[in-house]
PDB file of N, CA and C in Angstrom:
ATOM      1  N   MET A   1      77.684  99.953  73.003  1.00  0.00           N
ATOM      2  CA  MET A   1      78.935  99.314  73.388  1.00  0.00           C
ATOM      3  C   MET A   1      79.449  99.943  74.679  1.00  0.00           C
ATOM      4  N   ASN A   2      79.892  99.123  75.618  1.00  0.00           N
ATOM      5  CA  ASN A   2      80.398  99.596  76.892  1.00  0.00           C
ATOM      6  C   ASN A   2      81.830 100.121  76.771  1.00  0.00           C
ATOM      7  N   ALA A   3      82.137 101.174  77.529  1.00  0.00           N
ATOM      8  CA  ALA A   3      83.491 101.728  77.548  1.00  0.00           C
ATOM      9  C   ALA A   3      84.415 100.863  78.398  1.00  0.00           C
ATOM     10  N   LEU A   4      83.857 100.222  79.430  1.00  0.00           N
ATOM     11  CA  LEU A   4      84.645  99.326  80.270  1.00  0.00           C
ATOM     12  C   LEU A   4      84.509  97.902  79.754  1.00  0.00           C
ATOM     13  N   LYS A   5      85.576  97.116  79.956  1.00  0.00           N
ATOM     14  CA  LYS A   5      85.552  95.718  79.536  1.00  0.00           C
ATOM     15  C   LYS A   5      86.295  94.871  80.571  1.00  0.00           C
ATOM     16  N   ASN A   6      86.147  93.576  80.490  1.00  0.00           N
ATOM     17  CA  ASN A   6      86.867  92.631  81.346  1.00  0.00           C
ATOM     18  C   ASN A   6      86.577  92.804  82.834  1.00  0.00           C
ATOM     19  N   ILE A   7      85.396  93.310  83.154  1.00  0.00           N
ATOM     20  CA  ILE A   7      84.989  93.487  84.543  1.00  0.00           C
ATOM     21  C   ILE A   7      83.474  93.307  84.607  1.00  0.00           C
ATOM     22  N   PRO A   8      82.982  92.587  85.623  1.00  0.00           N
ATOM     23  CA  PRO A   8      81.527  92.419  85.727  1.00  0.00           C
ATOM     24  C   PRO A   8      80.835  93.738  86.045  1.00  0.00           C
ATOM     25  N   PHE A   9      79.711  93.964  85.448  1.00  0.00           N
ATOM     26  CA  PHE A   9      78.908  95.151  85.717  1.00  0.00           C
ATOM     27  C   PHE A   9      77.943  94.867  86.875  1.00  0.00           C
ATOM     28  N   GLU A  10      77.619  95.913  87.614  1.00  0.00           N
ATOM     29  CA  GLU A  10      76.640  95.857  88.703  1.00  0.00           C
ATOM     30  C   GLU A  10      76.970  94.768  89.718  1.00  0.00           C
ATOM     31  N   THR A  11      78.281  94.605  89.989  1.00  0.00           N
ATOM     32  CA  THR A  11      78.747  93.605  90.938  1.00  0.00           C
ATOM     33  C   THR A  11      79.837  94.222  91.802  1.00  0.00           C
ATOM     34  N   ALA A  12      79.636  94.217  93.108  1.00  0.00           N
ATOM     35  CA  ALA A  12      80.669  94.705  94.015  1.00  0.00           C
ATOM     36  C   ALA A  12      81.731  93.624  94.170  1.00  0.00           C
ATOM     37  N   LEU A  13      82.993  93.997  93.983  1.00  0.00           N
ATOM     38  CA  LEU A  13      84.070  93.035  94.125  1.00  0.00           C
ATOM     39  C   LEU A  13      85.380  93.779  94.366  1.00  0.00           C
ATOM     40  N   PRO A  14      86.347  93.127  95.000  1.00  0.00           N
ATOM     41  CA  PRO A  14      87.659  93.749  95.127  1.00  0.00           C
ATOM     42  C   PRO A  14      88.376  93.672  93.767  1.00  0.00           C
ATOM     43  N   LEU A  15      88.884  94.793  93.291  1.00  0.00           N
ATOM     44  CA  LEU A  15      89.551  94.797  91.990  1.00  0.00           C
ATOM     45  C   LEU A  15      90.710  93.818  91.938  1.00  0.00           C
ATOM     46  N   THR A  16      91.375  93.612  93.076  1.00  0.00           N
ATOM     47  CA  THR A  16      92.521  92.705  93.094  1.00  0.00           C
ATOM     48  C   THR A  16      92.138  91.273  92.728  1.00  0.00           C
ATOM     49  N   SER A  17      90.859  90.911  92.878  1.00  0.00           N
ATOM     50  CA  SER A  17      90.430  89.558  92.516  1.00  0.00           C
ATOM     51  C   SER A  17      90.508  89.324  91.000  1.00  0.00           C
ATOM     52  N   LEU A  18      90.614  90.389  90.223  1.00  0.00           N
ATOM     53  CA  LEU A  18      90.663  90.266  88.760  1.00  0.00           C
ATOM     54  C   LEU A  18      92.063  89.992  88.223  1.00  0.00           C
ATOM     55  N   VAL A  19      93.086  90.153  89.107  1.00  0.00           N
ATOM     56  CA  VAL A  19      94.464  89.899  88.689  1.00  0.00           C
ATOM     57  C   VAL A  19      95.183  89.077  89.762  1.00  0.00           C
ATOM     58  N   PRO A  20      95.014  87.758  89.727  1.00  0.00           N
ATOM     59  CA  PRO A  20      95.661  86.907  90.720  1.00  0.00           C
ATOM     60  C   PRO A  20      97.173  86.838  90.465  1.00  0.00           C
ATOM     61  N   TYR A  21      97.931  86.630  91.523  1.00  0.00           N
ATOM     62  CA  TYR A  21      99.368  86.436  91.357  1.00  0.00           C
ATOM     63  C   TYR A  21      99.636  85.114  90.664  1.00  0.00           C
ATOM     64  N   GLN A  22     100.684  85.098  89.793  1.00  0.00           N
ATOM     65  CA  GLN A  22     101.120  83.869  89.141  1.00  0.00           C
ATOM     66  C   GLN A  22     102.637  83.826  89.205  1.00  0.00           C
ATOM     67  N   ASP A  23     103.178  82.700  89.642  1.00  0.00           N
ATOM     68  CA  ASP A  23     104.626  82.551  89.783  1.00  0.00           C
ATOM     69  C   ASP A  23     105.362  82.952  88.505  1.00  0.00           C
ATOM     70  N   GLY A  24     106.369  83.822  88.678  1.00  0.00           N
ATOM     71  CA  GLY A  24     107.239  84.195  87.572  1.00  0.00           C
ATOM     72  C   GLY A  24     106.602  85.040  86.491  1.00  0.00           C
ATOM     73  N   ARG A  25     105.463  85.687  86.783  1.00  0.00           N
ATOM     74  CA  ARG A  25     104.756  86.419  85.727  1.00  0.00           C
ATOM     75  C   ARG A  25     104.240  87.754  86.219  1.00  0.00           C
ATOM     76  N   ILE A  26     103.928  88.587  85.246  1.00  0.00           N
ATOM     77  CA  ILE A  26     103.150  89.801  85.463  1.00  0.00           C
ATOM     78  C   ILE A  26     101.788  89.525  84.838  1.00  0.00           C
ATOM     79  N   VAL A  27     100.748  89.649  85.625  1.00  0.00           N
ATOM     80  CA  VAL A  27      99.388  89.440  85.125  1.00  0.00           C
ATOM     81  C   VAL A  27      98.756  90.818  84.946  1.00  0.00           C
ATOM     82  N   SER A  28      98.107  91.032  83.807  1.00  0.00           N
ATOM     83  CA  SER A  28      97.433  92.316  83.590  1.00  0.00           C
ATOM     84  C   SER A  28      96.035  92.087  83.037  1.00  0.00           C
ATOM     85  N   ARG A  29      95.170  93.069  83.302  1.00  0.00           N
ATOM     86  CA  ARG A  29      93.811  93.040  82.763  1.00  0.00           C
ATOM     87  C   ARG A  29      93.431  94.470  82.418  1.00  0.00           C
ATOM     88  N   THR A  30      93.190  94.715  81.146  1.00  0.00           N
ATOM     89  CA  THR A  30      92.785  96.041  80.681  1.00  0.00           C
ATOM     90  C   THR A  30      91.291  96.217  80.927  1.00  0.00           C
ATOM     91  N   LEU A  31      90.949  97.329  81.588  1.00  0.00           N
ATOM     92  CA  LEU A  31      89.547  97.617  81.884  1.00  0.00           C
ATOM     93  C   LEU A  31      88.960  98.643  80.918  1.00  0.00           C
ATOM     94  N   ALA A  32      89.812  99.518  80.380  1.00  0.00           N
ATOM     95  CA  ALA A  32      89.365 100.517  79.402  1.00  0.00           C
ATOM     96  C   ALA A  32      90.571 100.966  78.605  1.00  0.00           C
ATOM     97  N   GLN A  33      90.356 101.204  77.314  1.00  0.00           N
ATOM     98  CA  GLN A  33      91.449 101.710  76.477  1.00  0.00           C
ATOM     99  C   GLN A  33      90.850 102.389  75.253  1.00  0.00           C
ATOM    100  N   ASN A  34      91.180 103.678  75.124  1.00  0.00           N
ATOM    101  CA  ASN A  34      90.784 104.443  73.949  1.00  0.00           C
ATOM    102  C   ASN A  34      91.774 105.589  73.778  1.00  0.00           C
ATOM    103  N   GLY A  35      91.483 106.526  72.931  1.00  0.00           N
ATOM    104  CA  GLY A  35      92.405 107.622  72.667  1.00  0.00           C
ATOM    105  C   GLY A  35      92.577 108.596  73.811  1.00  0.00           C
ATOM    106  N   ALA A  36      91.688 108.538  74.802  1.00  0.00           N
ATOM    107  CA  ALA A  36      91.739 109.480  75.918  1.00  0.00           C
ATOM    108  C   ALA A  36      92.306 108.879  77.196  1.00  0.00           C
ATOM    109  N   VAL A  37      92.049 107.575  77.415  1.00  0.00           N
ATOM    110  CA  VAL A  37      92.424 106.968  78.688  1.00  0.00           C
ATOM    111  C   VAL A  37      92.698 105.473  78.525  1.00  0.00           C
ATOM    112  N   SER A  38      93.559 104.979  79.394  1.00  0.00           N
ATOM    113  CA  SER A  38      93.816 103.545  79.488  1.00  0.00           C
ATOM    114  C   SER A  38      93.807 103.187  80.968  1.00  0.00           C
ATOM    115  N   VAL A  39      93.049 102.142  81.337  1.00  0.00           N
ATOM    116  CA  VAL A  39      92.961 101.709  82.726  1.00  0.00           C
ATOM    117  C   VAL A  39      93.296 100.215  82.764  1.00  0.00           C
ATOM    118  N   THR A  40      94.351  99.860  83.526  1.00  0.00           N
ATOM    119  CA  THR A  40      94.816  98.483  83.551  1.00  0.00           C
ATOM    120  C   THR A  40      95.182  98.072  84.969  1.00  0.00           C
ATOM    121  N   LEU A  41      94.787  96.865  85.343  1.00  0.00           N
ATOM    122  CA  LEU A  41      95.180  96.263  86.610  1.00  0.00           C
ATOM    123  C   LEU A  41      96.403  95.386  86.369  1.00  0.00           C
ATOM    124  N   PHE A  42      97.323  95.372  87.340  1.00  0.00           N
ATOM    125  CA  PHE A  42      98.528  94.543  87.241  1.00  0.00           C
ATOM    126  C   PHE A  42      98.768  93.803  88.542  1.00  0.00           C
ATOM    127  N   ALA A  43      99.290  92.574  88.439  1.00  0.00           N
ATOM    128  CA  ALA A  43      99.815  91.813  89.576  1.00  0.00           C
ATOM    129  C   ALA A  43     101.235  91.400  89.195  1.00  0.00           C
ATOM    130  N   PHE A  44     102.212  91.898  89.944  1.00  0.00           N
ATOM    131  CA  PHE A  44     103.618  91.584  89.701  1.00  0.00           C
ATOM    132  C   PHE A  44     104.097  90.560  90.711  1.00  0.00           C
ATOM    133  N   GLU A  45     104.669  89.476  90.241  1.00  0.00           N
ATOM    134  CA  GLU A  45     105.321  88.540  91.138  1.00  0.00           C
ATOM    135  C   GLU A  45     106.703  89.109  91.482  1.00  0.00           C
ATOM    136  N   ALA A  46     107.223  88.785  92.652  1.00  0.00           N
ATOM    137  CA  ALA A  46     108.530  89.297  93.090  1.00  0.00           C
ATOM    138  C   ALA A  46     109.593  89.050  92.018  1.00  0.00           C
ATOM    139  N   GLY A  47     110.382  90.084  91.746  1.00  0.00           N
ATOM    140  CA  GLY A  47     111.466  89.988  90.773  1.00  0.00           C
ATOM    141  C   GLY A  47     111.078  90.348  89.352  1.00  0.00           C
ATOM    142  N   GLU A  48     109.790  90.465  89.077  1.00  0.00           N
ATOM    143  CA  GLU A  48     109.344  90.800  87.722  1.00  0.00           C
ATOM    144  C   GLU A  48     109.428  92.304  87.498  1.00  0.00           C
ATOM    145  N   GLU A  49     109.586  92.707  86.234  1.00  0.00           N
ATOM    146  CA  GLU A  49     109.700  94.129  85.937  1.00  0.00           C
ATOM    147  C   GLU A  49     109.248  94.462  84.528  1.00  0.00           C
ATOM    148  N   ILE A  50     108.930  95.728  84.344  1.00  0.00           N
ATOM    149  CA  ILE A  50     108.661  96.295  83.027  1.00  0.00           C
ATOM    150  C   ILE A  50     109.805  97.247  82.762  1.00  0.00           C
ATOM    151  N   SER A  51     110.511  97.031  81.665  1.00  0.00           N
ATOM    152  CA  SER A  51     111.712  97.811  81.373  1.00  0.00           C
ATOM    153  C   SER A  51     111.385  99.276  81.055  1.00  0.00           C
ATOM    154  N   THR A  52     112.414 100.077  81.020  1.00  0.00           N
ATOM    155  CA  THR A  52     112.277 101.513  80.813  1.00  0.00           C
ATOM    156  C   THR A  52     111.585 101.828  79.491  1.00  0.00           C
ATOM    157  N   HIS A  53     110.614 102.698  79.574  1.00  0.00           N
ATOM    158  CA  HIS A  53     109.861 103.155  78.405  1.00  0.00           C
ATOM    159  C   HIS A  53     109.246 104.509  78.754  1.00  0.00           C
ATOM    160  N   ALA A  54     108.608 105.152  77.804  1.00  0.00           N
ATOM    161  CA  ALA A  54     107.908 106.423  78.045  1.00  0.00           C
ATOM    162  C   ALA A  54     106.491 106.290  77.516  1.00  0.00           C
ATOM    163  N   SER A  55     105.598 107.104  78.061  1.00  0.00           N
ATOM    164  CA  SER A  55     104.199 107.086  77.654  1.00  0.00           C
ATOM    165  C   SER A  55     103.813 108.443  77.098  1.00  0.00           C
ATOM    166  N   GLY A  56     102.837 108.452  76.213  1.00  0.00           N
ATOM    167  CA  GLY A  56     102.332 109.695  75.650  1.00  0.00           C
ATOM    168  C   GLY A  56     101.352 110.414  76.555  1.00  0.00           C
ATOM    169  N   GLY A  57     101.010 109.796  77.694  1.00  0.00           N
ATOM    170  CA  GLY A  57     100.074 110.406  78.636  1.00  0.00           C
ATOM    171  C   GLY A  57     100.609 110.343  80.054  1.00  0.00           C
ATOM    172  N   ASP A  58     100.031 111.155  80.930  1.00  0.00           N
ATOM    173  CA  ASP A  58     100.376 111.096  82.343  1.00  0.00           C
ATOM    174  C   ASP A  58      99.808 109.807  82.924  1.00  0.00           C
ATOM    175  N   ALA A  59     100.627 109.093  83.707  1.00  0.00           N
ATOM    176  CA  ALA A  59     100.230 107.798  84.249  1.00  0.00           C
ATOM    177  C   ALA A  59     100.116 107.868  85.767  1.00  0.00           C
ATOM    178  N   LEU A  60      98.926 107.615  86.286  1.00  0.00           N
ATOM    179  CA  LEU A  60      98.672 107.572  87.720  1.00  0.00           C
ATOM    180  C   LEU A  60      98.640 106.113  88.155  1.00  0.00           C
ATOM    181  N   VAL A  61      99.466 105.781  89.153  1.00  0.00           N
ATOM    182  CA  VAL A  61      99.513 104.430  89.702  1.00  0.00           C
ATOM    183  C   VAL A  61      98.960 104.454  91.116  1.00  0.00           C
ATOM    184  N   TYR A  62      98.127 103.464  91.454  1.00  0.00           N
ATOM    185  CA  TYR A  62      97.679 103.246  92.822  1.00  0.00           C
ATOM    186  C   TYR A  62      98.059 101.820  93.193  1.00  0.00           C
ATOM    187  N   VAL A  63      98.795 101.648  94.290  1.00  0.00           N
ATOM    188  CA  VAL A  63      99.237 100.328  94.730  1.00  0.00           C
ATOM    189  C   VAL A  63      98.226  99.776  95.741  1.00  0.00           C
ATOM    190  N   PHE A  64      97.679  98.591  95.433  1.00  0.00           N
ATOM    191  CA  PHE A  64      96.700  97.946  96.307  1.00  0.00           C
ATOM    192  C   PHE A  64      97.358  97.209  97.465  1.00  0.00           C
ATOM    193  N   ASP A  65      98.378  96.405  97.142  1.00  0.00           N
ATOM    194  CA  ASP A  65      99.058  95.627  98.173  1.00  0.00           C
ATOM    195  C   ASP A  65     100.516  95.442  97.787  1.00  0.00           C
ATOM    196  N   GLY A  66     101.345  95.164  98.790  1.00  0.00           N
ATOM    197  CA  GLY A  66     102.774  95.021  98.549  1.00  0.00           C
ATOM    198  C   GLY A  66     103.434  96.366  98.339  1.00  0.00           C
ATOM    199  N   GLU A  67     104.564  96.335  97.626  1.00  0.00           N
ATOM    200  CA  GLU A  67     105.324  97.556  97.352  1.00  0.00           C
ATOM    201  C   GLU A  67     106.020  97.427  96.013  1.00  0.00           C
ATOM    202  N   GLY A  68     105.925  98.477  95.195  1.00  0.00           N
ATOM    203  CA  GLY A  68     106.586  98.502  93.899  1.00  0.00           C
ATOM    204  C   GLY A  68     107.704  99.529  93.867  1.00  0.00           C
ATOM    205  N   GLU A  69     108.663  99.288  93.009  1.00  0.00           N
ATOM    206  CA  GLU A  69     109.752 100.246  92.781  1.00  0.00           C
ATOM    207  C   GLU A  69     109.544 100.872  91.406  1.00  0.00           C
ATOM    208  N   PHE A  70     109.452 102.186  91.385  1.00  0.00           N
ATOM    209  CA  PHE A  70     109.201 102.931  90.155  1.00  0.00           C
ATOM    210  C   PHE A  70     110.389 103.861  89.918  1.00  0.00           C
ATOM    211  N   THR A  71     111.075 103.671  88.811  1.00  0.00           N
ATOM    212  CA  THR A  71     112.165 104.564  88.446  1.00  0.00           C
ATOM    213  C   THR A  71     111.619 105.527  87.410  1.00  0.00           C
ATOM    214  N   ILE A  72     111.605 106.810  87.774  1.00  0.00           N
ATOM    215  CA  ILE A  72     111.063 107.841  86.891  1.00  0.00           C
ATOM    216  C   ILE A  72     112.173 108.832  86.585  1.00  0.00           C
ATOM    217  N   ASP A  73     112.545 108.907  85.319  1.00  0.00           N
ATOM    218  CA  ASP A  73     113.591 109.844  84.881  1.00  0.00           C
ATOM    219  C   ASP A  73     114.859 109.683  85.729  1.00  0.00           C
ATOM    220  N   GLY A  74     115.198 108.415  86.038  1.00  0.00           N
ATOM    221  CA  GLY A  74     116.422 108.105  86.763  1.00  0.00           C
ATOM    222  C   GLY A  74     116.316 108.113  88.277  1.00  0.00           C
ATOM    223  N   THR A  75     115.182 108.497  88.844  1.00  0.00           N
ATOM    224  CA  THR A  75     115.011 108.547  90.293  1.00  0.00           C
ATOM    225  C   THR A  75     114.132 107.388  90.761  1.00  0.00           C
ATOM    226  N   LEU A  76     114.626 106.632  91.764  1.00  0.00           N
ATOM    227  CA  LEU A  76     113.886 105.491  92.299  1.00  0.00           C
ATOM    228  C   LEU A  76     112.880 105.951  93.350  1.00  0.00           C
ATOM    229  N   HIS A  77     111.636 105.454  93.219  1.00  0.00           N
ATOM    230  CA  HIS A  77     110.573 105.737  94.186  1.00  0.00           C
ATOM    231  C   HIS A  77     109.988 104.411  94.628  1.00  0.00           C
ATOM    232  N   ARG A  78     109.850 104.218  95.929  1.00  0.00           N
ATOM    233  CA  ARG A  78     109.179 103.029  96.453  1.00  0.00           C
ATOM    234  C   ARG A  78     107.752 103.436  96.821  1.00  0.00           C
ATOM    235  N   VAL A  79     106.797 102.703  96.293  1.00  0.00           N
ATOM    236  CA  VAL A  79     105.386 103.031  96.508  1.00  0.00           C
ATOM    237  C   VAL A  79     104.719 101.816  97.143  1.00  0.00           C
ATOM    238  N   ALA A  80     104.167 102.018  98.338  1.00  0.00           N
ATOM    239  CA  ALA A  80     103.591 100.924  99.117  1.00  0.00           C
ATOM    240  C   ALA A  80     102.066 100.924  99.027  1.00  0.00           C
ATOM    241  N   ALA A  81     101.472  99.857  99.556  1.00  0.00           N
ATOM    242  CA  ALA A  81     100.010  99.696  99.574  1.00  0.00           C
ATOM    243  C   ALA A  81      99.341 100.950 100.105  1.00  0.00           C
ATOM    244  N   GLY A  82      98.325 101.416  99.370  1.00  0.00           N
ATOM    245  CA  GLY A  82      97.576 102.607  99.760  1.00  0.00           C
ATOM    246  C   GLY A  82      98.180 103.897  99.246  1.00  0.00           C
ATOM    247  N   GLU A  83      99.333 103.823  98.584  1.00  0.00           N
ATOM    248  CA  GLU A  83      99.985 105.020  98.050  1.00  0.00           C
ATOM    249  C   GLU A  83      99.858 105.065  96.533  1.00  0.00           C
ATOM    250  N   SER A  84     100.120 106.252  95.986  1.00  0.00           N
ATOM    251  CA  SER A  84     100.087 106.423  94.534  1.00  0.00           C
ATOM    252  C   SER A  84     101.254 107.295  94.103  1.00  0.00           C
ATOM    253  N   ILE A  85     101.509 107.288  92.801  1.00  0.00           N
ATOM    254  CA  ILE A  85     102.543 108.125  92.204  1.00  0.00           C
ATOM    255  C   ILE A  85     102.132 108.432  90.773  1.00  0.00           C
ATOM    256  N   VAL A  86     102.566 109.596  90.277  1.00  0.00           N
ATOM    257  CA  VAL A  86     102.302 109.970  88.884  1.00  0.00           C
ATOM    258  C   VAL A  86     103.605 109.908  88.109  1.00  0.00           C
ATOM    259  N   MET A  87     103.563 109.230  86.976  1.00  0.00           N
ATOM    260  CA  MET A  87     104.688 109.176  86.047  1.00  0.00           C
ATOM    261  C   MET A  87     104.322 110.104  84.891  1.00  0.00           C
ATOM    262  N   PRO A  88     104.986 111.276  84.801  1.00  0.00           N
ATOM    263  CA  PRO A  88     104.601 112.263  83.788  1.00  0.00           C
ATOM    264  C   PRO A  88     104.823 111.771  82.354  1.00  0.00           C
ATOM    265  N   ALA A  89     103.977 112.238  81.463  1.00  0.00           N
ATOM    266  CA  ALA A  89     104.091 111.909  80.044  1.00  0.00           C
ATOM    267  C   ALA A  89     105.473 112.272  79.533  1.00  0.00           C
ATOM    268  N   GLY A  90     106.026 111.409  78.702  1.00  0.00           N
ATOM    269  CA  GLY A  90     107.291 111.682  78.039  1.00  0.00           C
ATOM    270  C   GLY A  90     108.536 111.382  78.864  1.00  0.00           C
ATOM    271  N   LYS A  91     108.397 111.176  80.178  1.00  0.00           N
ATOM    272  CA  LYS A  91     109.561 110.872  81.013  1.00  0.00           C
ATOM    273  C   LYS A  91     109.763 109.359  81.057  1.00  0.00           C
ATOM    274  N   PRO A  92     111.015 108.908  80.854  1.00  0.00           N
ATOM    275  CA  PRO A  92     111.257 107.466  80.906  1.00  0.00           C
ATOM    276  C   PRO A  92     110.988 106.925  82.307  1.00  0.00           C
ATOM    277  N   HIS A  93     110.370 105.747  82.359  1.00  0.00           N
ATOM    278  CA  HIS A  93     110.068 105.114  83.637  1.00  0.00           C
ATOM    279  C   HIS A  93     110.102 103.592  83.491  1.00  0.00           C
ATOM    280  N   ALA A  94     110.318 102.941  84.625  1.00  0.00           N
ATOM    281  CA  ALA A  94     110.328 101.481  84.686  1.00  0.00           C
ATOM    282  C   ALA A  94     109.666 101.066  85.996  1.00  0.00           C
ATOM    283  N   VAL A  95     109.192  99.816  86.035  1.00  0.00           N
ATOM    284  CA  VAL A  95     108.516  99.300  87.225  1.00  0.00           C
ATOM    285  C   VAL A  95     109.157  97.959  87.577  1.00  0.00           C
ATOM    286  N   ARG A  96     109.463  97.787  88.873  1.00  0.00           N
ATOM    287  CA  ARG A  96     110.064  96.540  89.349  1.00  0.00           C
ATOM    288  C   ARG A  96     109.390  96.109  90.642  1.00  0.00           C
ATOM    289  N   ALA A  97     109.219  94.797  90.786  1.00  0.00           N
ATOM    290  CA  ALA A  97     108.615  94.227  91.989  1.00  0.00           C
ATOM    291  C   ALA A  97     109.711  93.635  92.864  1.00  0.00           C
ATOM    292  N   LYS A  98     110.144  94.390  93.865  1.00  0.00           N
ATOM    293  CA  LYS A  98     111.088  93.841  94.840  1.00  0.00           C
ATOM    294  C   LYS A  98     110.380  92.734  95.618  1.00  0.00           C
ATOM    295  N   GLU A  99     109.102  92.950  95.893  1.00  0.00           N
ATOM    296  CA  GLU A  99     108.206  91.940  96.461  1.00  0.00           C
ATOM    297  C   GLU A  99     106.960  91.947  95.593  1.00  0.00           C
ATOM    298  N   ARG A 100     106.121  90.937  95.712  1.00  0.00           N
ATOM    299  CA  ARG A 100     104.910  90.915  94.888  1.00  0.00           C
ATOM    300  C   ARG A 100     104.014  92.097  95.264  1.00  0.00           C
ATOM    301  N   PHE A 101     103.372  92.661  94.244  1.00  0.00           N
ATOM    302  CA  PHE A 101     102.438  93.757  94.492  1.00  0.00           C
ATOM    303  C   PHE A 101     101.434  93.858  93.358  1.00  0.00           C
ATOM    304  N   ARG A 102     100.306  94.513  93.658  1.00  0.00           N
ATOM    305  CA  ARG A 102      99.263  94.753  92.658  1.00  0.00           C
ATOM    306  C   ARG A 102      98.992  96.241  92.579  1.00  0.00           C
ATOM    307  N   MET A 103      98.688  96.689  91.362  1.00  0.00           N
ATOM    308  CA  MET A 103      98.463  98.123  91.152  1.00  0.00           C
ATOM    309  C   MET A 103      97.413  98.355  90.083  1.00  0.00           C
ATOM    310  N   LEU A 104      96.855  99.560  90.131  1.00  0.00           N
ATOM    311  CA  LEU A 104      95.946 100.054  89.094  1.00  0.00           C
ATOM    312  C   LEU A 104      96.686 101.165  88.370  1.00  0.00           C
ATOM    313  N   LEU A 105      96.777 101.072  87.069  1.00  0.00           N
ATOM    314  CA  LEU A 105      97.433 102.074  86.231  1.00  0.00           C
ATOM    315  C   LEU A 105      96.384 102.793  85.399  1.00  0.00           C
ATOM    316  N   THR A 106      96.309 104.109  85.544  1.00  0.00           N
ATOM    317  CA  THR A 106      95.410 104.934  84.741  1.00  0.00           C
ATOM    318  C   THR A 106      96.261 105.915  83.954  1.00  0.00           C
ATOM    319  N   VAL A 107      96.226 105.838  82.641  1.00  0.00           N
ATOM    320  CA  VAL A 107      96.977 106.753  81.791  1.00  0.00           C
ATOM    321  C   VAL A 107      95.984 107.671  81.097  1.00  0.00           C
ATOM    322  N   VAL A 108      96.211 108.979  81.239  1.00  0.00           N
ATOM    323  CA  VAL A 108      95.343 109.980  80.627  1.00  0.00           C
ATOM    324  C   VAL A 108      96.142 110.652  79.520  1.00  0.00           C
ATOM    325  N   PHE A 109      95.623 110.573  78.305  1.00  0.00           N
ATOM    326  CA  PHE A 109      96.317 111.111  77.142  1.00  0.00           C
ATOM    327  C   PHE A 109      95.816 112.521  76.812  1.00  0.00           C
ATOM    328  N   PRO A 110      96.730 113.406  76.388  1.00  0.00           N
ATOM    329  CA  PRO A 110      96.309 114.763  76.026  1.00  0.00           C
ATOM    330  C   PRO A 110      95.381 114.739  74.811  1.00  0.00           C
ATOM    331  N   GLN A 111      94.426 115.623  74.797  1.00  0.00           N
ATOM    332  CA  GLN A 111      93.465 115.677  73.679  1.00  0.00           C
ATOM    333  C   GLN A 111      93.697 116.913  72.828  1.00  0.00           C
TER     334      GLN A 111
END
């Protein structure tokens, strides 16, 4: 059984092609999920958001295009294409799309 899913094997492709923008929606595609790690692609349409929550693992975000707003423990961070940010485990965070953007979210859980 493969650890990765929802992605073609042995095929070069831009990851952003796996999560097209859709009006009024957040599109996501999980590439891996187990007790140690979760890897998910997201496409946020402008104005869409994920409300405040906390994670049991450290979350690394990489923004492919556009710009996202990340509120971590009450502090707003703007993260643009080519940049990344870490949302520490246990700290409340939220994500908002002031403009449309796509990101890769990797969450690493303590073992």
